[in-house]
N, C-alpha and C. Protein backbone atom coordinates (compact mmCIF):
# COMPACT_ATOMS: atom_id res chain seq x y z
N MET A 1 -10.46 16.00 -4.69
CA MET A 1 -10.22 14.90 -5.59
C MET A 1 -10.70 13.62 -4.91
N CYS A 2 -11.27 12.73 -5.71
CA CYS A 2 -11.82 11.49 -5.17
C CYS A 2 -11.04 10.29 -5.73
N ILE A 3 -10.53 9.44 -4.84
CA ILE A 3 -9.81 8.24 -5.23
C ILE A 3 -10.44 7.08 -4.49
N PHE A 4 -10.75 6.01 -5.22
CA PHE A 4 -11.36 4.82 -4.63
C PHE A 4 -12.68 5.17 -3.94
N GLY A 5 -13.35 6.23 -4.41
CA GLY A 5 -14.61 6.62 -3.79
C GLY A 5 -14.44 7.38 -2.49
N VAL A 6 -13.21 7.79 -2.15
CA VAL A 6 -12.93 8.52 -0.92
C VAL A 6 -12.28 9.84 -1.28
N THR A 7 -12.65 10.89 -0.58
CA THR A 7 -12.15 12.22 -0.90
C THR A 7 -10.74 12.44 -0.36
N MET A 8 -9.88 12.88 -1.27
CA MET A 8 -8.52 13.26 -0.90
C MET A 8 -8.56 14.71 -0.41
N SER A 9 -7.53 15.10 0.33
CA SER A 9 -7.42 16.49 0.74
C SER A 9 -7.32 17.36 -0.49
N THR A 10 -7.96 18.50 -0.42
CA THR A 10 -7.91 19.44 -1.53
C THR A 10 -6.86 20.50 -1.24
N ALA A 11 -6.55 21.26 -2.27
CA ALA A 11 -5.59 22.36 -2.09
C ALA A 11 -6.13 23.34 -1.05
N GLN A 12 -7.46 23.54 -1.03
CA GLN A 12 -8.07 24.44 -0.07
C GLN A 12 -7.87 23.93 1.36
N THR A 13 -8.09 22.63 1.57
CA THR A 13 -7.88 22.04 2.89
C THR A 13 -6.42 22.19 3.31
N THR A 14 -5.51 21.89 2.39
CA THR A 14 -4.09 22.01 2.69
C THR A 14 -3.74 23.45 3.02
N GLU A 15 -4.31 24.39 2.28
CA GLU A 15 -4.04 25.81 2.55
C GLU A 15 -4.55 26.20 3.93
N GLN A 16 -5.73 25.72 4.30
CA GLN A 16 -6.27 26.03 5.63
C GLN A 16 -5.39 25.44 6.73
N LEU A 17 -4.93 24.20 6.52
CA LEU A 17 -4.08 23.56 7.51
C LEU A 17 -2.72 24.25 7.60
N SER A 18 -2.26 24.82 6.50
CA SER A 18 -0.95 25.50 6.51
C SER A 18 -0.97 26.75 7.39
N LEU A 19 -2.15 27.25 7.69
CA LEU A 19 -2.28 28.43 8.53
C LEU A 19 -2.20 28.10 10.03
N LEU A 20 -2.30 26.83 10.36
CA LEU A 20 -2.24 26.42 11.76
C LEU A 20 -0.83 26.55 12.30
N SER A 21 -0.73 26.80 13.60
CA SER A 21 0.57 26.76 14.25
C SER A 21 1.06 25.32 14.21
N LEU A 22 2.35 25.12 14.43
CA LEU A 22 2.88 23.75 14.45
C LEU A 22 2.22 22.91 15.54
N VAL A 23 1.97 23.50 16.69
CA VAL A 23 1.32 22.77 17.78
C VAL A 23 -0.08 22.35 17.34
N ASP A 24 -0.84 23.26 16.74
CA ASP A 24 -2.20 22.93 16.29
C ASP A 24 -2.18 21.92 15.15
N LEU A 25 -1.21 22.03 14.26
CA LEU A 25 -1.09 21.07 13.16
C LEU A 25 -0.80 19.67 13.70
N ILE A 26 0.10 19.57 14.65
CA ILE A 26 0.40 18.28 15.27
C ILE A 26 -0.83 17.73 15.96
N ASN A 27 -1.54 18.58 16.69
CA ASN A 27 -2.76 18.13 17.35
C ASN A 27 -3.79 17.63 16.33
N TYR A 28 -3.89 18.32 15.21
CA TYR A 28 -4.80 17.89 14.13
C TYR A 28 -4.39 16.51 13.60
N ILE A 29 -3.12 16.33 13.35
CA ILE A 29 -2.63 15.05 12.82
C ILE A 29 -2.92 13.92 13.80
N GLU A 30 -2.63 14.15 15.07
CA GLU A 30 -2.86 13.11 16.08
C GLU A 30 -4.35 12.81 16.24
N THR A 31 -5.16 13.85 16.30
CA THR A 31 -6.60 13.68 16.53
C THR A 31 -7.30 13.04 15.34
N ASN A 32 -6.88 13.39 14.16
CA ASN A 32 -7.56 12.88 12.97
C ASN A 32 -6.90 11.64 12.39
N HIS A 33 -5.64 11.75 12.02
CA HIS A 33 -4.99 10.65 11.30
C HIS A 33 -4.49 9.54 12.22
N HIS A 34 -3.81 9.89 13.30
CA HIS A 34 -3.30 8.84 14.19
C HIS A 34 -4.45 8.09 14.85
N ALA A 35 -5.47 8.81 15.27
CA ALA A 35 -6.63 8.15 15.89
C ALA A 35 -7.33 7.24 14.89
N TYR A 36 -7.43 7.69 13.64
CA TYR A 36 -8.07 6.87 12.60
C TYR A 36 -7.30 5.56 12.39
N ILE A 37 -5.99 5.65 12.32
CA ILE A 37 -5.18 4.44 12.13
C ILE A 37 -5.39 3.47 13.29
N ARG A 38 -5.35 3.99 14.51
CA ARG A 38 -5.51 3.12 15.69
C ARG A 38 -6.90 2.47 15.72
N LYS A 39 -7.89 3.19 15.24
CA LYS A 39 -9.25 2.66 15.23
C LYS A 39 -9.44 1.63 14.11
N THR A 40 -8.87 1.88 12.96
CA THR A 40 -9.14 1.09 11.77
C THR A 40 -8.20 -0.10 11.61
N ALA A 41 -6.98 0.00 12.07
CA ALA A 41 -5.99 -1.07 11.89
C ALA A 41 -6.48 -2.43 12.42
N PRO A 42 -7.01 -2.51 13.63
CA PRO A 42 -7.47 -3.82 14.12
C PRO A 42 -8.60 -4.40 13.26
N LEU A 43 -9.44 -3.53 12.74
CA LEU A 43 -10.53 -3.97 11.87
C LEU A 43 -9.99 -4.58 10.58
N LEU A 44 -8.96 -3.97 10.00
CA LEU A 44 -8.35 -4.50 8.78
C LEU A 44 -7.70 -5.85 9.04
N ILE A 45 -7.05 -6.00 10.17
CA ILE A 45 -6.46 -7.29 10.54
C ILE A 45 -7.56 -8.34 10.67
N GLU A 46 -8.64 -7.97 11.34
CA GLU A 46 -9.76 -8.90 11.52
C GLU A 46 -10.34 -9.31 10.16
N TYR A 47 -10.59 -8.35 9.29
CA TYR A 47 -11.14 -8.66 7.96
C TYR A 47 -10.23 -9.59 7.19
N THR A 48 -8.94 -9.26 7.13
CA THR A 48 -8.04 -10.07 6.30
C THR A 48 -7.86 -11.47 6.90
N GLU A 49 -7.84 -11.59 8.22
CA GLU A 49 -7.73 -12.93 8.83
C GLU A 49 -8.97 -13.76 8.53
N LYS A 50 -10.14 -13.14 8.57
CA LYS A 50 -11.38 -13.86 8.22
C LYS A 50 -11.34 -14.30 6.75
N MET A 51 -10.84 -13.43 5.90
CA MET A 51 -10.77 -13.76 4.47
C MET A 51 -9.81 -14.92 4.23
N VAL A 52 -8.69 -14.94 4.95
CA VAL A 52 -7.74 -16.05 4.81
C VAL A 52 -8.41 -17.36 5.22
N ARG A 53 -9.10 -17.34 6.36
CA ARG A 53 -9.77 -18.56 6.83
C ARG A 53 -10.86 -19.03 5.86
N ALA A 54 -11.62 -18.09 5.33
CA ALA A 54 -12.76 -18.46 4.49
C ALA A 54 -12.39 -18.69 3.03
N HIS A 55 -11.41 -17.94 2.51
CA HIS A 55 -11.16 -17.95 1.07
C HIS A 55 -9.70 -18.14 0.68
N GLY A 56 -8.81 -18.26 1.65
CA GLY A 56 -7.38 -18.31 1.38
C GLY A 56 -6.94 -19.45 0.48
N ASP A 57 -7.60 -20.59 0.57
CA ASP A 57 -7.21 -21.73 -0.25
C ASP A 57 -7.73 -21.63 -1.68
N ASP A 58 -8.75 -20.81 -1.89
CA ASP A 58 -9.36 -20.71 -3.22
C ASP A 58 -8.97 -19.45 -3.99
N HIS A 59 -8.40 -18.47 -3.31
CA HIS A 59 -8.04 -17.21 -3.96
C HIS A 59 -6.60 -16.86 -3.60
N ASP A 60 -5.74 -16.95 -4.60
CA ASP A 60 -4.30 -16.77 -4.38
C ASP A 60 -3.90 -15.41 -3.83
N GLU A 61 -4.71 -14.40 -4.06
CA GLU A 61 -4.33 -13.05 -3.63
C GLU A 61 -4.60 -12.79 -2.14
N ILE A 62 -5.41 -13.61 -1.50
CA ILE A 62 -5.84 -13.34 -0.13
C ILE A 62 -4.70 -13.43 0.88
N LYS A 63 -3.93 -14.49 0.84
CA LYS A 63 -2.85 -14.64 1.83
C LYS A 63 -1.79 -13.55 1.68
N PRO A 64 -1.32 -13.23 0.46
CA PRO A 64 -0.36 -12.12 0.34
C PRO A 64 -0.97 -10.78 0.77
N LEU A 65 -2.27 -10.58 0.50
CA LEU A 65 -2.93 -9.35 0.93
C LEU A 65 -2.91 -9.25 2.46
N ALA A 66 -3.29 -10.32 3.12
CA ALA A 66 -3.30 -10.33 4.59
C ALA A 66 -1.90 -10.05 5.13
N LEU A 67 -0.89 -10.62 4.50
CA LEU A 67 0.49 -10.40 4.93
C LEU A 67 0.89 -8.94 4.74
N CYS A 68 0.55 -8.36 3.59
CA CYS A 68 0.89 -6.95 3.33
C CYS A 68 0.19 -6.02 4.31
N VAL A 69 -1.08 -6.29 4.58
CA VAL A 69 -1.82 -5.46 5.53
C VAL A 69 -1.18 -5.56 6.90
N ARG A 70 -0.85 -6.76 7.33
CA ARG A 70 -0.22 -6.97 8.64
C ARG A 70 1.12 -6.24 8.70
N GLU A 71 1.93 -6.34 7.65
CA GLU A 71 3.24 -5.67 7.63
C GLU A 71 3.08 -4.15 7.70
N LEU A 72 2.12 -3.62 6.96
CA LEU A 72 1.89 -2.18 6.97
C LEU A 72 1.51 -1.72 8.38
N ILE A 73 0.59 -2.41 8.99
CA ILE A 73 0.14 -2.02 10.33
C ILE A 73 1.24 -2.23 11.36
N ASP A 74 2.00 -3.31 11.22
CA ASP A 74 3.11 -3.55 12.14
C ASP A 74 4.18 -2.47 12.03
N GLU A 75 4.31 -1.84 10.89
CA GLU A 75 5.26 -0.73 10.74
C GLU A 75 4.66 0.60 11.19
N LEU A 76 3.35 0.76 10.97
CA LEU A 76 2.72 2.03 11.32
C LEU A 76 2.62 2.27 12.82
N MET A 77 2.34 1.23 13.59
CA MET A 77 2.12 1.43 15.02
C MET A 77 3.36 1.98 15.73
N PRO A 78 4.55 1.41 15.54
CA PRO A 78 5.72 2.04 16.17
C PRO A 78 6.06 3.40 15.55
N HIS A 79 5.72 3.58 14.28
CA HIS A 79 5.94 4.88 13.63
C HIS A 79 5.13 5.96 14.36
N LEU A 80 3.87 5.67 14.63
CA LEU A 80 3.03 6.63 15.35
C LEU A 80 3.62 6.94 16.73
N MET A 81 4.06 5.90 17.39
CA MET A 81 4.64 6.07 18.73
C MET A 81 5.88 6.98 18.67
N LYS A 82 6.76 6.75 17.69
CA LYS A 82 7.96 7.58 17.56
C LYS A 82 7.59 9.05 17.29
N GLU A 83 6.58 9.24 16.46
CA GLU A 83 6.15 10.62 16.20
C GLU A 83 5.60 11.25 17.48
N GLU A 84 4.70 10.54 18.15
CA GLU A 84 4.01 11.10 19.30
C GLU A 84 4.91 11.26 20.53
N GLN A 85 5.87 10.39 20.71
CA GLN A 85 6.68 10.43 21.91
C GLN A 85 8.04 11.12 21.73
N ILE A 86 8.50 11.22 20.48
CA ILE A 86 9.83 11.80 20.26
C ILE A 86 9.75 13.03 19.36
N LEU A 87 9.32 12.84 18.12
CA LEU A 87 9.39 13.92 17.13
C LEU A 87 8.42 15.05 17.43
N PHE A 88 7.15 14.74 17.63
CA PHE A 88 6.16 15.80 17.84
C PHE A 88 6.45 16.63 19.09
N PRO A 89 6.80 16.02 20.23
CA PRO A 89 7.15 16.88 21.38
C PRO A 89 8.35 17.78 21.09
N ALA A 90 9.32 17.28 20.35
CA ALA A 90 10.49 18.10 20.00
C ALA A 90 10.08 19.27 19.11
N ILE A 91 9.23 19.01 18.13
CA ILE A 91 8.77 20.09 17.24
C ILE A 91 7.97 21.11 18.05
N LYS A 92 7.11 20.64 18.92
CA LYS A 92 6.32 21.56 19.76
C LYS A 92 7.25 22.44 20.60
N SER A 93 8.25 21.83 21.22
CA SER A 93 9.19 22.61 22.04
C SER A 93 9.90 23.66 21.21
N LEU A 94 10.44 23.25 20.08
CA LEU A 94 11.16 24.19 19.21
C LEU A 94 10.26 25.32 18.74
N SER A 95 9.01 24.99 18.42
CA SER A 95 8.09 26.01 17.92
C SER A 95 7.72 27.02 19.00
N LEU A 96 7.86 26.62 20.26
CA LEU A 96 7.59 27.51 21.39
C LEU A 96 8.87 28.20 21.89
N GLY A 97 9.96 28.03 21.14
CA GLY A 97 11.22 28.67 21.50
C GLY A 97 11.97 27.98 22.62
N GLN A 98 11.61 26.74 22.89
CA GLN A 98 12.26 25.97 23.95
C GLN A 98 13.18 24.95 23.32
N PRO A 99 14.18 24.47 24.07
CA PRO A 99 15.05 23.44 23.50
C PRO A 99 14.29 22.11 23.36
N ALA A 100 14.65 21.37 22.34
CA ALA A 100 14.05 20.05 22.14
C ALA A 100 14.79 19.05 23.01
N ASN A 101 14.04 18.31 23.79
CA ASN A 101 14.64 17.27 24.63
C ASN A 101 14.75 16.00 23.82
N GLY A 102 15.95 15.59 23.54
CA GLY A 102 16.15 14.38 22.77
C GLY A 102 17.61 14.18 22.47
N CYS A 103 17.98 12.97 22.21
CA CYS A 103 19.38 12.65 21.94
C CYS A 103 19.61 12.43 20.45
N PHE A 104 18.74 12.99 19.62
CA PHE A 104 18.80 12.75 18.18
C PHE A 104 19.56 13.81 17.41
N GLY A 105 20.11 14.80 18.11
CA GLY A 105 20.82 15.87 17.41
C GLY A 105 19.85 16.85 16.79
N HIS A 106 20.10 17.21 15.57
CA HIS A 106 19.25 18.16 14.84
C HIS A 106 17.89 17.52 14.55
N ILE A 107 16.85 18.33 14.55
CA ILE A 107 15.48 17.85 14.29
C ILE A 107 15.37 17.16 12.92
N GLY A 108 16.28 17.48 12.02
CA GLY A 108 16.27 16.84 10.70
C GLY A 108 16.53 15.34 10.75
N ASN A 109 17.23 14.89 11.78
CA ASN A 109 17.52 13.45 11.88
C ASN A 109 16.26 12.61 12.05
N PRO A 110 15.41 12.88 13.05
CA PRO A 110 14.19 12.07 13.13
C PRO A 110 13.23 12.33 11.98
N ILE A 111 13.24 13.55 11.44
CA ILE A 111 12.38 13.82 10.28
C ILE A 111 12.81 12.95 9.10
N ASN A 112 14.12 12.84 8.87
CA ASN A 112 14.60 11.98 7.78
C ASN A 112 14.16 10.53 7.98
N MET A 113 14.18 10.07 9.22
CA MET A 113 13.73 8.71 9.50
C MET A 113 12.24 8.56 9.19
N MET A 114 11.45 9.56 9.56
CA MET A 114 10.01 9.50 9.29
C MET A 114 9.73 9.54 7.78
N LEU A 115 10.49 10.34 7.06
CA LEU A 115 10.34 10.39 5.60
C LEU A 115 10.64 9.02 4.98
N HIS A 116 11.68 8.38 5.47
CA HIS A 116 12.02 7.04 5.00
C HIS A 116 10.88 6.07 5.30
N GLU A 117 10.34 6.12 6.49
CA GLU A 117 9.23 5.24 6.85
C GLU A 117 7.97 5.56 6.05
N HIS A 118 7.76 6.83 5.72
CA HIS A 118 6.64 7.20 4.86
C HIS A 118 6.79 6.56 3.47
N ASP A 119 8.02 6.58 2.95
CA ASP A 119 8.28 5.95 1.65
C ASP A 119 7.99 4.44 1.71
N ASN A 120 8.39 3.81 2.81
CA ASN A 120 8.10 2.37 2.97
C ASN A 120 6.60 2.12 3.01
N ALA A 121 5.87 2.95 3.74
CA ALA A 121 4.41 2.78 3.81
C ALA A 121 3.79 2.95 2.43
N ASP A 122 4.29 3.91 1.67
CA ASP A 122 3.76 4.11 0.32
C ASP A 122 4.00 2.88 -0.56
N GLN A 123 5.16 2.27 -0.44
CA GLN A 123 5.45 1.05 -1.22
C GLN A 123 4.53 -0.09 -0.81
N MET A 124 4.24 -0.20 0.48
CA MET A 124 3.32 -1.24 0.94
C MET A 124 1.91 -0.98 0.42
N LEU A 125 1.50 0.28 0.41
CA LEU A 125 0.18 0.62 -0.15
C LEU A 125 0.12 0.26 -1.63
N GLN A 126 1.20 0.48 -2.35
CA GLN A 126 1.23 0.11 -3.77
C GLN A 126 1.04 -1.39 -3.94
N SER A 127 1.65 -2.18 -3.09
CA SER A 127 1.47 -3.63 -3.15
C SER A 127 0.03 -4.02 -2.85
N ILE A 128 -0.55 -3.38 -1.86
CA ILE A 128 -1.94 -3.67 -1.50
C ILE A 128 -2.87 -3.29 -2.65
N ARG A 129 -2.62 -2.15 -3.28
CA ARG A 129 -3.44 -1.75 -4.43
C ARG A 129 -3.34 -2.78 -5.55
N ARG A 130 -2.12 -3.25 -5.79
CA ARG A 130 -1.91 -4.24 -6.85
C ARG A 130 -2.68 -5.53 -6.54
N LEU A 131 -2.58 -5.99 -5.29
CA LEU A 131 -3.24 -7.23 -4.90
C LEU A 131 -4.77 -7.12 -4.93
N THR A 132 -5.28 -5.92 -4.73
CA THR A 132 -6.74 -5.72 -4.71
C THR A 132 -7.28 -5.14 -6.01
N ASN A 133 -6.42 -5.02 -7.01
CA ASN A 133 -6.82 -4.39 -8.27
C ASN A 133 -7.42 -3.01 -7.97
N ASN A 134 -6.67 -2.21 -7.21
CA ASN A 134 -7.11 -0.88 -6.79
C ASN A 134 -8.46 -0.91 -6.06
N TYR A 135 -8.58 -1.90 -5.18
CA TYR A 135 -9.74 -2.05 -4.31
C TYR A 135 -11.03 -2.31 -5.09
N THR A 136 -10.89 -2.95 -6.23
CA THR A 136 -12.06 -3.34 -7.01
C THR A 136 -12.66 -4.59 -6.38
N ILE A 137 -13.87 -4.47 -5.91
CA ILE A 137 -14.53 -5.58 -5.22
C ILE A 137 -15.00 -6.59 -6.27
N PRO A 138 -14.51 -7.83 -6.19
CA PRO A 138 -14.95 -8.84 -7.16
C PRO A 138 -16.45 -9.12 -7.01
N ALA A 139 -17.05 -9.56 -8.08
CA ALA A 139 -18.48 -9.89 -8.05
C ALA A 139 -18.71 -11.08 -7.14
N SER A 140 -19.81 -11.07 -6.48
CA SER A 140 -20.30 -12.19 -5.66
C SER A 140 -19.37 -12.60 -4.53
N VAL A 141 -18.70 -11.64 -3.90
CA VAL A 141 -17.88 -11.98 -2.73
C VAL A 141 -18.66 -11.67 -1.46
N CYS A 142 -18.20 -12.23 -0.36
CA CYS A 142 -18.89 -12.09 0.92
C CYS A 142 -18.82 -10.64 1.43
N HIS A 143 -19.62 -10.37 2.44
CA HIS A 143 -19.69 -9.03 3.02
C HIS A 143 -18.35 -8.62 3.66
N THR A 144 -17.65 -9.58 4.25
CA THR A 144 -16.35 -9.26 4.86
C THR A 144 -15.37 -8.78 3.80
N TRP A 145 -15.34 -9.48 2.67
CA TRP A 145 -14.45 -9.10 1.58
C TRP A 145 -14.78 -7.69 1.10
N GLN A 146 -16.06 -7.43 0.90
CA GLN A 146 -16.51 -6.10 0.46
C GLN A 146 -16.10 -5.03 1.47
N ALA A 147 -16.38 -5.29 2.73
CA ALA A 147 -16.04 -4.33 3.78
C ALA A 147 -14.54 -4.12 3.87
N CYS A 148 -13.78 -5.18 3.70
CA CYS A 148 -12.32 -5.08 3.75
C CYS A 148 -11.81 -4.16 2.65
N TYR A 149 -12.24 -4.36 1.43
CA TYR A 149 -11.76 -3.53 0.33
C TYR A 149 -12.18 -2.08 0.49
N ARG A 150 -13.42 -1.85 0.93
CA ARG A 150 -13.87 -0.48 1.15
C ARG A 150 -13.04 0.19 2.26
N THR A 151 -12.82 -0.53 3.34
CA THR A 151 -12.05 0.02 4.45
C THR A 151 -10.60 0.23 4.05
N LEU A 152 -10.03 -0.69 3.30
CA LEU A 152 -8.66 -0.52 2.81
C LEU A 152 -8.54 0.72 1.92
N ALA A 153 -9.53 0.95 1.07
CA ALA A 153 -9.51 2.13 0.20
C ALA A 153 -9.55 3.41 1.04
N GLU A 154 -10.40 3.44 2.05
CA GLU A 154 -10.47 4.60 2.94
C GLU A 154 -9.15 4.78 3.69
N PHE A 155 -8.61 3.67 4.18
CA PHE A 155 -7.35 3.69 4.93
C PHE A 155 -6.23 4.23 4.04
N ASP A 156 -6.19 3.78 2.81
CA ASP A 156 -5.18 4.21 1.84
C ASP A 156 -5.25 5.73 1.67
N VAL A 157 -6.44 6.24 1.41
CA VAL A 157 -6.59 7.68 1.18
C VAL A 157 -6.22 8.47 2.44
N ASP A 158 -6.68 8.00 3.60
CA ASP A 158 -6.34 8.70 4.83
C ASP A 158 -4.83 8.71 5.05
N LEU A 159 -4.19 7.57 4.81
CA LEU A 159 -2.74 7.50 5.02
C LEU A 159 -2.00 8.38 4.02
N GLN A 160 -2.47 8.44 2.79
CA GLN A 160 -1.85 9.34 1.82
C GLN A 160 -1.99 10.80 2.27
N ASN A 161 -3.19 11.18 2.73
CA ASN A 161 -3.40 12.54 3.23
C ASN A 161 -2.50 12.83 4.42
N HIS A 162 -2.40 11.88 5.32
CA HIS A 162 -1.58 11.98 6.52
C HIS A 162 -0.11 12.20 6.15
N ILE A 163 0.40 11.34 5.30
CA ILE A 163 1.80 11.43 4.89
C ILE A 163 2.06 12.74 4.16
N ASN A 164 1.16 13.12 3.27
CA ASN A 164 1.32 14.37 2.53
C ASN A 164 1.35 15.57 3.47
N LEU A 165 0.48 15.56 4.45
CA LEU A 165 0.41 16.66 5.42
C LEU A 165 1.72 16.79 6.19
N GLU A 166 2.26 15.67 6.63
CA GLU A 166 3.53 15.72 7.36
C GLU A 166 4.69 16.10 6.43
N ASN A 167 4.75 15.48 5.26
CA ASN A 167 5.88 15.71 4.35
C ASN A 167 5.91 17.11 3.77
N THR A 168 4.73 17.68 3.47
CA THR A 168 4.71 18.97 2.77
C THR A 168 4.44 20.17 3.67
N LEU A 169 3.84 19.95 4.84
CA LEU A 169 3.58 21.09 5.73
C LEU A 169 4.39 21.01 7.03
N LEU A 170 4.19 19.95 7.78
CA LEU A 170 4.77 19.86 9.11
C LEU A 170 6.30 19.83 9.07
N PHE A 171 6.86 18.90 8.33
CA PHE A 171 8.31 18.74 8.35
C PHE A 171 9.06 19.94 7.79
N PRO A 172 8.63 20.50 6.65
CA PRO A 172 9.35 21.69 6.18
C PRO A 172 9.31 22.87 7.17
N LYS A 173 8.15 23.05 7.82
CA LYS A 173 8.06 24.13 8.83
C LYS A 173 8.98 23.84 10.02
N ALA A 174 9.03 22.59 10.42
CA ALA A 174 9.87 22.21 11.58
C ALA A 174 11.35 22.38 11.26
N LEU A 175 11.74 22.12 10.03
CA LEU A 175 13.15 22.21 9.67
C LEU A 175 13.70 23.64 9.69
N VAL A 176 12.83 24.62 9.62
CA VAL A 176 13.31 26.02 9.63
C VAL A 176 13.33 26.62 11.04
N LEU A 177 12.96 25.84 12.04
CA LEU A 177 12.96 26.35 13.42
C LEU A 177 14.38 26.54 13.92
């Protein structure tokens, strides 16, 4: 399926990923989705800050867009850290039949927190879509504006795929360990 000109995960891709062990699935998420966020987030901040400086006084949507992008990224970065340093190692340990090292009790507790944060990220993406008219590039805008909307659309799709993968494959499998 294609959204905003970017390909969403297909049922076939999801089915292939569902065959991976939990360790391999986590490695896939970190290598593909977490790395993408870390690479792309600074670029989105740079684009939106440039847009505020160049067009913020003339276009009412630019400043709120920059704020929403900053808030999303400011929430995603510690989210990734919590997954990589707390939740994912615990899931890996449990999947290998070892005890999970952590003071969080049952694995469902940090998973519930991640689900809540995923819902927050989705709400922020909805705000960004609204502010960008679903990433519709206005006529006659600068290259930075065009690049920002294209990159935001790609980021949106990647984040949706990422969240879906964790919510529908990783977390349910981890909860039955």
